[in-house]
C-alpha atoms as a PDB file:
ATOM      1  CA  MET A   1       0.042  -0.024  -0.069  1.00  0.00           C
ATOM      2  CA  SER A   2       1.303   3.334  -0.911  1.00  0.00           C
ATOM      3  CA  GLU A   3       1.651   6.314   1.573  1.00  0.00           C
ATOM      4  CA  PRO A   4      -1.206   8.791   1.226  1.00  0.00           C
ATOM      5  CA  GLU A   5      -0.449  12.159  -0.217  1.00  0.00           C
ATOM      6  CA  LYS A   6       1.023  14.502   2.092  1.00  0.00           C
ATOM      7  CA  ALA A   7       0.115  18.367   2.601  1.00  0.00           C
ATOM      8  CA  TRP A   8       3.148  20.264   1.238  1.00  0.00           C
ATOM      9  CA  LYS A   9       1.313  23.615   2.016  1.00  0.00           C
ATOM     10  CA  PRO A  10      -0.920  24.278   4.894  1.00  0.00           C
ATOM     11  CA  GLU A  11      -3.844  24.800   2.236  1.00  0.00           C
ATOM     12  CA  ASP A  12      -3.390  21.417   0.912  1.00  0.00           C
ATOM     13  CA  ILE A  13      -4.932  19.820   4.097  1.00  0.00           C
ATOM     14  CA  THR A  14      -8.359  21.329   3.165  1.00  0.00           C
ATOM     15  CA  ARG A  15      -8.344  19.628  -0.282  1.00  0.00           C
ATOM     16  CA  LEU A  16      -7.128  16.285   0.962  1.00  0.00           C
ATOM     17  CA  PHE A  17      -9.534  16.312   3.733  1.00  0.00           C
ATOM     18  CA  VAL A  18     -12.481  16.753   1.351  1.00  0.00           C
ATOM     19  CA  GLU A  19     -11.098  13.987  -0.935  1.00  0.00           C
ATOM     20  CA  ARG A  20     -10.614  11.533   1.876  1.00  0.00           C
ATOM     21  CA  ALA A  21     -13.959  12.333   3.643  1.00  0.00           C
ATOM     22  CA  ASN A  22     -15.889  11.754   0.400  1.00  0.00           C
ATOM     23  CA  ALA A  23     -13.936   8.429  -0.115  1.00  0.00           C
ATOM     24  CA  LYS A  24     -15.108   7.535   3.425  1.00  0.00           C
ATOM     25  CA  ASP A  25     -11.386   7.187   4.289  1.00  0.00           C
ATOM     26  CA  ALA A  26     -11.147   7.503   8.165  1.00  0.00           C
ATOM     27  CA  GLU A  27      -7.458   6.186   8.053  1.00  0.00           C
ATOM     28  CA  GLY A  28      -6.647   8.750   5.363  1.00  0.00           C
ATOM     29  CA  LEU A  29      -8.286  11.610   7.466  1.00  0.00           C
ATOM     30  CA  ALA A  30      -6.507  10.583  10.595  1.00  0.00           C
ATOM     31  CA  ALA A  31      -3.067  10.809   8.618  1.00  0.00           C
ATOM     32  CA  LEU A  32      -3.909  14.517   8.289  1.00  0.00           C
ATOM     33  CA  TYR A  33      -3.348  14.919  12.146  1.00  0.00           C
ATOM     34  CA  GLU A  34      -0.398  14.815  14.367  1.00  0.00           C
ATOM     35  CA  GLU A  35      -0.357  12.025  16.869  1.00  0.00           C
ATOM     36  CA  GLY A  36      -1.374  14.330  19.792  1.00  0.00           C
ATOM     37  CA  ALA A  37      -3.874  16.335  17.822  1.00  0.00           C
ATOM     38  CA  VAL A  38      -6.976  17.835  19.462  1.00  0.00           C
ATOM     39  CA  MET A  39     -10.242  18.169  17.460  1.00  0.00           C
ATOM     40  CA  ALA A  40     -13.131  20.247  18.958  1.00  0.00           C
ATOM     41  CA  TYR A  41     -15.734  17.651  17.830  1.00  0.00           C
ATOM     42  CA  PRO A  42     -18.369  16.347  18.439  1.00  0.00           C
ATOM     43  CA  PRO A  43     -19.818  19.640  19.467  1.00  0.00           C
ATOM     44  CA  GLY A  44     -19.250  20.435  23.132  1.00  0.00           C
ATOM     45  CA  ARG A  45     -16.409  17.767  23.342  1.00  0.00           C
ATOM     46  CA  GLN A  46     -12.873  17.220  22.301  1.00  0.00           C
ATOM     47  CA  THR A  47     -11.346  14.301  20.630  1.00  0.00           C
ATOM     48  CA  VAL A  48      -7.615  13.840  21.502  1.00  0.00           C
ATOM     49  CA  GLY A  49      -5.070  11.881  19.518  1.00  0.00           C
ATOM     50  CA  ARG A  50      -4.864  10.563  16.019  1.00  0.00           C
ATOM     51  CA  GLU A  51      -6.251   7.170  16.930  1.00  0.00           C
ATOM     52  CA  ALA A  52      -9.258   8.603  18.588  1.00  0.00           C
ATOM     53  CA  ILE A  53      -9.787  11.088  15.728  1.00  0.00           C
ATOM     54  CA  ARG A  54      -9.567   8.026  13.243  1.00  0.00           C
ATOM     55  CA  ALA A  55     -12.130   6.175  15.386  1.00  0.00           C
ATOM     56  CA  LEU A  56     -14.364   9.208  15.331  1.00  0.00           C
ATOM     57  CA  TRP A  57     -14.327   9.428  11.662  1.00  0.00           C
ATOM     58  CA  GLU A  58     -14.790   5.853  11.052  1.00  0.00           C
ATOM     59  CA  GLU A  59     -17.964   6.125  12.969  1.00  0.00           C
ATOM     60  CA  ALA A  60     -19.182   9.403  11.488  1.00  0.00           C
ATOM     61  CA  LEU A  61     -18.315   9.082   7.854  1.00  0.00           C
ATOM     62  CA  PRO A  62     -21.085   6.765   6.847  1.00  0.00           C
ATOM     63  CA  HIS A  63     -23.641   8.992   8.138  1.00  0.00           C
ATOM     64  CA  LEU A  64     -22.211  12.222   6.783  1.00  0.00           C
ATOM     65  CA  PRO A  65     -23.329  13.980   3.326  1.00  0.00           C
ATOM     66  CA  ARG A  66     -20.811  14.498   0.702  1.00  0.00           C
ATOM     67  CA  PHE A  67     -18.310  17.286   1.509  1.00  0.00           C
ATOM     68  CA  GLU A  68     -18.082  20.310  -0.910  1.00  0.00           C
ATOM     69  CA  PRO A  69     -14.701  22.123  -1.266  1.00  0.00           C
ATOM     70  CA  GLU A  70     -14.565  25.391   0.502  1.00  0.00           C
ATOM     71  CA  THR A  71     -12.139  28.124  -0.552  1.00  0.00           C
ATOM     72  CA  PRO A  72      -9.337  28.505   2.072  1.00  0.00           C
ATOM     73  CA  MET A  73      -8.844  31.972   3.605  1.00  0.00           C
ATOM     74  CA  PRO A  74      -5.216  33.151   3.435  1.00  0.00           C
ATOM     75  CA  THR A  75      -3.043  31.092   5.863  1.00  0.00           C
ATOM     76  CA  LEU A  76      -1.150  32.855   8.537  1.00  0.00           C
ATOM     77  CA  VAL A  77       2.358  31.236   9.114  1.00  0.00           C
ATOM     78  CA  SER A  78       4.850  31.968  11.831  1.00  0.00           C
ATOM     79  CA  GLY A  79       7.753  29.639  11.687  1.00  0.00           C
ATOM     80  CA  ASP A  80       6.565  25.991  11.713  1.00  0.00           C
ATOM     81  CA  LEU A  81       3.063  27.006  12.750  1.00  0.00           C
ATOM     82  CA  GLY A  82       0.121  27.993  10.556  1.00  0.00           C
ATOM     83  CA  LEU A  83      -3.473  29.121  11.037  1.00  0.00           C
ATOM     84  CA  THR A  84      -5.826  27.961   8.236  1.00  0.00           C
ATOM     85  CA  ALA A  85      -9.483  28.738   7.995  1.00  0.00           C
ATOM     86  CA  THR A  86     -12.464  28.281   5.502  1.00  0.00           C
ATOM     87  CA  PRO A  87     -15.658  30.029   5.663  1.00  0.00           C
ATOM     88  CA  ALA A  88     -18.490  27.533   5.953  1.00  0.00           C
ATOM     89  CA  GLY A  89     -20.327  27.120   2.698  1.00  0.00           C
ATOM     90  CA  ASP A  90     -23.734  27.884   4.157  1.00  0.00           C
ATOM     91  CA  GLY A  91     -22.403  31.200   5.557  1.00  0.00           C
ATOM     92  CA  ALA A  92     -23.035  30.144   9.097  1.00  0.00           C
ATOM     93  CA  GLY A  93     -19.706  30.566  10.400  1.00  0.00           C
ATOM     94  CA  ALA A  94     -16.181  29.271   9.759  1.00  0.00           C
ATOM     95  CA  ARG A  95     -13.570  26.255  10.326  1.00  0.00           C
ATOM     96  CA  ALA A  96     -10.175  26.991  11.699  1.00  0.00           C
ATOM     97  CA  GLN A  97      -7.018  24.849  12.155  1.00  0.00           C
ATOM     98  CA  VAL A  98      -3.600  25.163  13.513  1.00  0.00           C
ATOM     99  CA  VAL A  99      -1.133  23.269  11.582  1.00  0.00           C
ATOM    100  CA  ARG A 100       2.571  22.303  12.242  1.00  0.00           C
ATOM    101  CA  ARG A 101       5.357  21.887   9.674  1.00  0.00           C
ATOM    102  CA  GLN A 102       6.773  18.345  10.142  1.00  0.00           C
ATOM    103  CA  PRO A 103      10.518  17.412   9.831  1.00  0.00           C
ATOM    104  CA  ASP A 104      10.038  16.397   6.259  1.00  0.00           C
ATOM    105  CA  GLY A 105       8.480  19.716   5.230  1.00  0.00           C
ATOM    106  CA  SER A 106       4.867  18.495   5.092  1.00  0.00           C
ATOM    107  CA  TRP A 107       2.076  19.942   7.260  1.00  0.00           C
ATOM    108  CA  LEU A 108      -0.278  18.152   9.810  1.00  0.00           C
ATOM    109  CA  ARG A 109      -3.192  19.480  11.890  1.00  0.00           C
ATOM    110  CA  LEU A 110      -2.443  20.059  15.580  1.00  0.00           C
ATOM    111  CA  LEU A 111      -5.766  21.748  16.450  1.00  0.00           C
ATOM    112  CA  ASP A 112      -8.956  21.436  14.702  1.00  0.00           C
ATOM    113  CA  GLN A 113     -12.020  23.615  15.253  1.00  0.00           C
ATOM    114  CA  PRO A 114     -14.504  22.323  12.474  1.00  0.00           C
ATOM    115  CA  GLU A 115     -17.319  24.504  13.412  1.00  0.00           C
ATOM    116  CA  ILE A 116     -17.305  28.130  14.541  1.00  0.00           C
ATOM    117  CA  THR A 117     -20.770  29.463  14.402  1.00  0.00           C
ATOM    118  CA  ALA A 118     -21.556  33.194  14.150  1.00  0.00           C
ATOM    119  CA  PRO A 119     -23.352  34.475  17.487  1.00  0.00           C
ATOM    120  CA  ALA A 120     -27.024  34.924  17.180  1.00  0.00           C
ATOM    121  CA  ARG A 121     -28.227  38.485  16.683  1.00  0.00           C
ATOM    122  CA  ASP A 122     -31.283  39.976  18.371  1.00  0.00           C
END
């Protein structure tokens, strides 16, 4: 089995995420995260560690609709850390991730906030 494609730019992770989610590839999704990554999902909880993230996706993917690509916002990079974000396609908020450059030059997610909703307005 060949090694999955790596994210050579922080923005690549968004594209790879959509491709792997639509292929229902929980293992491939987990490979986009560092071993000790933290994901703020399911809502109100945190999933910690690549293996727990893989298990979460394995359980969730069969029940999720097809993901549509979202245009990433400009990435902020400071040294080996980056902040990536995409506005939600429905305009209801955004998604944000902290990524870290790996020793081979590729990027992996360290912190993942998949849903940031806009506050309700009165």
